[in-house]
Amino acid sequence: MIGDVPNEPVDEPEAAEPVVVTSLEDMMSRLRATRAAGQRLWYRGQANEIWPLEPRVARNRRYLENELVMLRQFKQDAASRLTDRPASEWEWICLAQHHGLPTRLLDWSENPLVGLFFAVDDLAADQPGPVSGALFELSPDELNLSALGNGRGTLMLEHDNDLDAYLPDAGGGPVLQPAAVLAGRTFGRIIAQAGTFTVSSGDHSARALNSPGGPTSKIVIPAQHKTEIKEQLADVNISASTVYPDLDHLALSIRNGFDS
């Protein structure tokens, strides 16, 4: 899920003041500027602006220490529940990520409004009161040029040998910068969210994603504007029932329309 919650913020070098978006109209103005500049960007929304960009497996030391153990147990117990068994290690990792297992993948979207939804969906974000959210923009080509140095742009899981070094059982090779990757859109959720990923290796350091002047930029969504933006997104059919294409979220979306 694009708006997963990190456990702890990390200290970041001081950066320039981020852009602030207070309405869907503001967001559309920014997108028009992005299109005019010919930029290809991915988007990730997080409900608390101080949360760093890092994969879920890096947010808990026990997750880090037992990444392969968790994945192997998932394979063991999921096999009998699947109609179509994953054909590769990356397919297993994507399936595990899809169902909430901590992995080295971090969710992004090619749809900026989906990213914006995750930035505003949770008002309090595990805090006592409302907090501002963040929408991150990522240049996947810039990230991969820095990480891999080959100018090949976005890579495809299972099809690019450069990504073998990012597998959990790749061994004690060098710690690589996160890379921007695509995966087959074989699940309803990844289709609905126009999902893409960044993948980490080694100690799962995501410093390249969090460093000022790097391939990411941050847009702040003030807490007092979250509810209004969420309503505006629903007007253009970006809601829990479309971002999560399952019956539980459909029912939740209908119920919310009748809550007082």
Protein backbone atom coordinates (compact mmCIF):
# COMPACT_ATOMS: atom_id res chain seq x y z
CA MET A 1 0.00 0.00 0.00
CA ILE A 2 1.38 3.40 -0.93
CA GLY A 3 0.64 5.03 2.43
CA ASP A 4 2.29 2.46 4.76
CA VAL A 5 3.29 3.87 8.15
CA PRO A 6 6.98 3.98 9.14
CA ASN A 7 7.80 3.46 12.80
CA GLU A 8 10.28 6.27 13.35
CA PRO A 9 11.31 9.44 11.55
CA VAL A 10 14.95 9.83 10.56
CA ASP A 11 17.17 12.86 10.79
CA GLU A 12 17.53 14.50 7.39
CA PRO A 13 19.88 17.23 6.22
CA GLU A 14 18.28 20.64 6.11
CA ALA A 15 16.41 21.16 2.84
CA ALA A 16 14.70 23.97 0.99
CA GLU A 17 11.14 24.78 1.99
CA PRO A 18 8.79 22.25 0.37
CA VAL A 19 5.90 23.14 -1.89
CA VAL A 20 2.52 23.31 -0.14
CA VAL A 21 -0.71 22.08 -1.78
CA THR A 22 -4.04 23.04 -0.19
CA SER A 23 -6.53 21.93 -2.85
CA LEU A 24 -6.98 19.66 -5.83
CA GLU A 25 -6.75 22.78 -8.01
CA ASP A 26 -3.28 23.47 -6.58
CA MET A 27 -2.27 19.92 -7.43
CA MET A 28 -3.55 20.16 -10.98
CA SER A 29 -1.58 23.39 -11.48
CA ARG A 30 1.57 21.61 -10.39
CA LEU A 31 0.84 18.71 -12.74
CA ARG A 32 0.42 21.08 -15.66
CA ALA A 33 3.85 22.53 -14.89
CA THR A 34 5.33 19.03 -14.65
CA ARG A 35 3.87 18.07 -18.01
CA ALA A 36 5.13 21.27 -19.62
CA ALA A 37 8.64 20.47 -18.35
CA GLY A 38 8.45 16.98 -19.88
CA GLN A 39 9.11 15.27 -16.55
CA ARG A 40 8.20 11.62 -15.87
CA LEU A 41 7.48 11.25 -12.18
CA TRP A 42 6.17 8.67 -9.72
CA TYR A 43 4.21 9.59 -6.60
CA ARG A 44 3.90 8.37 -3.04
CA GLY A 45 1.61 9.80 -0.37
CA GLN A 46 2.29 9.47 3.36
CA ALA A 47 -0.14 10.66 6.01
CA ASN A 48 2.55 12.24 8.22
CA GLU A 49 5.01 14.61 6.59
CA ILE A 50 7.87 13.68 8.96
CA TRP A 51 7.88 9.99 8.04
CA PRO A 52 10.92 9.07 5.93
CA LEU A 53 10.82 7.14 2.69
CA GLU A 54 11.86 3.59 3.57
CA PRO A 55 10.56 0.07 2.90
CA ARG A 56 8.50 -1.55 5.62
CA VAL A 57 11.14 -4.18 6.36
CA ALA A 58 13.53 -1.39 7.44
CA ARG A 59 11.14 0.01 10.04
CA ASN A 60 11.66 -2.73 12.62
CA ARG A 61 14.97 -4.36 13.52
CA ARG A 62 13.36 -7.78 13.90
CA TYR A 63 11.94 -7.45 10.40
CA LEU A 64 15.43 -6.69 9.10
CA GLU A 65 16.98 -9.62 10.92
CA ASN A 66 14.30 -12.05 9.75
CA GLU A 67 13.48 -10.87 6.24
CA LEU A 68 14.23 -14.22 4.60
CA VAL A 69 12.59 -16.17 7.43
CA MET A 70 9.35 -14.22 7.00
CA LEU A 71 9.41 -14.66 3.23
CA ARG A 72 10.06 -18.41 3.46
CA GLN A 73 7.24 -18.85 5.98
CA PHE A 74 4.93 -16.87 3.69
CA LYS A 75 5.83 -19.17 0.78
CA GLN A 76 5.27 -22.27 2.90
CA ASP A 77 1.84 -21.29 4.19
CA ALA A 78 0.56 -19.35 1.17
CA ALA A 79 1.17 -22.12 -1.37
CA SER A 80 -1.97 -24.10 -0.53
CA ARG A 81 -4.13 -20.95 -0.64
CA LEU A 82 -3.11 -19.86 -4.12
CA THR A 83 -4.75 -20.68 -7.42
CA ASP A 84 -1.74 -19.48 -9.40
CA ARG A 85 1.60 -20.07 -7.71
CA PRO A 86 4.27 -17.36 -8.29
CA ALA A 87 6.84 -18.47 -10.83
CA SER A 88 9.84 -16.52 -9.54
CA GLU A 89 11.36 -15.02 -6.41
CA TRP A 90 10.34 -11.50 -7.41
CA GLU A 91 6.75 -12.66 -7.98
CA TRP A 92 6.74 -14.07 -4.44
CA ILE A 93 8.11 -10.81 -3.03
CA CYS A 94 5.50 -8.76 -4.90
CA LEU A 95 2.72 -11.05 -3.69
CA ALA A 96 3.97 -10.82 -0.11
CA GLN A 97 4.18 -7.02 -0.38
CA HIS A 98 0.65 -6.91 -1.77
CA HIS A 99 -0.67 -8.76 1.28
CA GLY A 100 1.20 -6.68 3.86
CA LEU A 101 4.35 -8.69 4.60
CA PRO A 102 7.33 -6.39 5.28
CA THR A 103 9.56 -6.51 2.20
CA ARG A 104 12.31 -4.44 0.60
CA LEU A 105 9.82 -2.93 -1.86
CA LEU A 106 8.38 0.56 -1.39
CA ASP A 107 5.13 1.36 -3.20
CA TRP A 108 4.83 4.26 -5.64
CA SER A 109 2.22 5.18 -8.23
CA GLU A 110 2.25 6.60 -11.73
CA ASN A 111 -1.03 8.32 -10.84
CA PRO A 112 -0.45 11.54 -8.86
CA LEU A 113 -4.02 11.60 -7.56
CA VAL A 114 -3.62 8.13 -6.07
CA GLY A 115 -0.50 9.37 -4.29
CA LEU A 116 -2.41 12.43 -3.08
CA PHE A 117 -5.20 10.18 -1.74
CA PHE A 118 -2.76 8.39 0.55
CA ALA A 119 -1.41 11.72 1.81
CA VAL A 120 -4.89 12.83 2.97
CA ASP A 121 -6.72 9.58 3.79
CA ASP A 122 -5.58 9.46 7.44
CA LEU A 123 -6.13 12.70 9.33
CA ALA A 124 -4.25 11.91 12.55
CA ALA A 125 -1.70 9.31 11.32
CA ASP A 126 -1.27 7.67 14.75
CA GLN A 127 -0.87 11.06 16.44
CA PRO A 128 -3.13 12.65 19.11
CA GLY A 129 -4.45 15.19 16.62
CA PRO A 130 -4.43 16.09 12.93
CA VAL A 131 -1.02 16.17 11.23
CA SER A 132 0.12 17.37 7.83
CA GLY A 133 0.74 14.78 5.14
CA ALA A 134 3.28 14.62 2.33
CA LEU A 135 3.18 13.74 -1.34
CA PHE A 136 6.56 12.71 -2.70
CA GLU A 137 7.55 13.03 -6.35
CA LEU A 138 10.26 10.72 -7.68
CA SER A 139 12.17 10.79 -10.95
CA PRO A 140 12.71 7.05 -11.59
CA ASP A 141 15.18 7.74 -14.40
CA GLU A 142 17.31 10.02 -12.22
CA LEU A 143 17.26 7.50 -9.37
CA ASN A 144 18.43 4.65 -11.59
CA LEU A 145 21.09 6.71 -13.27
CA SER A 146 22.52 7.39 -9.81
CA ALA A 147 22.03 3.82 -8.52
CA LEU A 148 23.09 1.83 -11.57
CA GLY A 149 24.96 4.34 -13.71
CA ASN A 150 23.80 2.83 -16.98
CA GLY A 151 21.16 5.28 -18.16
CA ARG A 152 18.69 2.46 -18.86
CA GLY A 153 15.82 4.10 -17.06
CA THR A 154 13.25 2.01 -15.19
CA LEU A 155 13.98 -1.71 -14.86
CA MET A 156 11.57 -4.65 -14.81
CA LEU A 157 11.62 -7.20 -12.02
CA GLU A 158 12.42 -10.70 -13.35
CA HIS A 159 13.68 -9.33 -16.68
CA ASP A 160 16.77 -7.27 -15.77
CA ASN A 161 19.89 -8.99 -14.47
CA ASP A 162 20.98 -5.79 -12.75
CA LEU A 163 18.26 -6.47 -10.19
CA ASP A 164 19.58 -9.89 -9.10
CA ALA A 165 21.81 -8.10 -6.58
CA TYR A 166 18.67 -6.71 -4.90
CA LEU A 167 17.20 -10.12 -4.04
CA PRO A 168 17.08 -10.93 -0.29
CA ASP A 169 19.34 -13.99 -0.74
CA ALA A 170 21.87 -12.21 -2.97
CA GLY A 171 24.55 -12.52 -0.30
CA GLY A 172 27.05 -10.08 1.08
CA GLY A 173 27.62 -7.91 -1.96
CA PRO A 174 27.90 -4.14 -1.93
CA VAL A 175 25.08 -2.04 -0.52
CA LEU A 176 23.34 -0.52 -3.52
CA GLN A 177 21.25 2.59 -3.72
CA PRO A 178 17.50 2.05 -4.11
CA ALA A 179 16.40 1.44 -7.70
CA ALA A 180 13.14 2.23 -9.47
CA VAL A 181 11.45 -0.91 -10.79
CA LEU A 182 8.32 -2.11 -12.53
CA ALA A 183 6.48 -5.35 -11.85
CA GLY A 184 3.76 -7.19 -13.72
CA ARG A 185 0.37 -5.80 -12.73
CA THR A 186 -1.22 -9.09 -11.84
CA PHE A 187 -3.19 -8.03 -8.72
CA GLY A 188 -6.30 -5.87 -8.61
CA ARG A 189 -4.75 -3.41 -6.18
CA ILE A 190 -1.57 -2.76 -8.16
CA ILE A 191 -3.72 -2.18 -11.26
CA ALA A 192 -6.06 0.23 -9.46
CA GLN A 193 -3.15 2.13 -7.93
CA ALA A 194 -1.03 2.20 -11.13
CA GLY A 195 1.60 0.70 -8.88
CA THR A 196 5.36 0.84 -9.24
CA PHE A 197 8.17 0.27 -6.73
CA THR A 198 11.55 1.23 -5.48
CA VAL A 199 13.65 -1.65 -4.18
CA SER A 200 16.44 -1.53 -1.61
CA SER A 201 19.37 -3.85 -0.99
CA GLY A 202 21.77 -4.67 1.80
CA ASP A 203 20.89 -2.70 4.92
CA HIS A 204 17.87 -1.20 3.09
CA SER A 205 19.28 2.30 3.40
CA ALA A 206 17.00 4.73 1.59
CA ARG A 207 19.28 7.74 2.02
CA ALA A 208 19.17 8.47 -1.72
CA LEU A 209 15.40 8.86 -1.50
CA ASN A 210 15.52 11.20 1.50
CA SER A 211 18.48 13.41 0.59
CA PRO A 212 17.83 17.04 -0.43
CA GLY A 213 18.83 17.63 -4.03
CA GLY A 214 18.24 13.98 -4.90
CA PRO A 215 15.66 12.41 -7.21
CA THR A 216 12.71 13.14 -4.89
CA SER A 217 10.83 16.27 -3.94
CA LYS A 218 8.22 16.70 -1.21
CA ILE A 219 4.87 18.46 -1.30
CA VAL A 220 3.30 19.20 2.10
CA ILE A 221 -0.45 18.77 2.54
CA PRO A 222 -1.49 20.87 5.59
CA ALA A 223 -3.58 19.01 8.14
CA GLN A 224 -6.46 21.49 7.94
CA HIS A 225 -6.88 20.84 4.21
CA LYS A 226 -6.83 17.03 4.25
CA THR A 227 -10.58 16.51 4.57
CA GLU A 228 -11.43 19.01 1.83
CA ILE A 229 -8.90 17.48 -0.58
CA LYS A 230 -10.20 13.99 0.18
CA GLU A 231 -13.71 15.15 -0.71
CA GLN A 232 -12.43 16.75 -3.91
CA LEU A 233 -10.68 13.51 -4.86
CA ALA A 234 -13.92 11.57 -4.31
CA ASP A 235 -15.58 13.95 -6.80
CA VAL A 236 -13.16 12.65 -9.47
CA ASN A 237 -13.64 9.02 -8.37
CA ILE A 238 -10.43 8.66 -6.34
CA SER A 239 -11.59 7.06 -3.09
CA ALA A 240 -11.02 4.01 -0.91
CA SER A 241 -13.39 1.96 -3.07
CA THR A 242 -11.41 2.66 -6.25
CA VAL A 243 -7.89 2.63 -4.78
CA TYR A 244 -8.65 -0.64 -2.95
CA PRO A 245 -10.81 -2.65 -5.39
CA ASP A 246 -12.24 -5.10 -2.87
CA LEU A 247 -15.68 -5.55 -1.34
CA ASP A 248 -14.64 -4.43 2.15
CA HIS A 249 -13.55 -1.00 0.92
CA LEU A 250 -16.60 -0.74 -1.36
CA ALA A 251 -18.85 -1.28 1.64
CA LEU A 252 -16.81 1.17 3.73
CA SER A 253 -17.08 3.83 1.04
CA ILE A 254 -20.86 3.40 0.81
CA ARG A 255 -21.23 3.51 4.61
CA ASN A 256 -19.14 6.67 4.88
CA GLY A 257 -21.51 8.39 2.48
CA PHE A 258 -24.32 7.97 5.01
CA ASP A 259 -22.42 8.65 8.23
CA SER A 260 -23.64 11.75 10.02
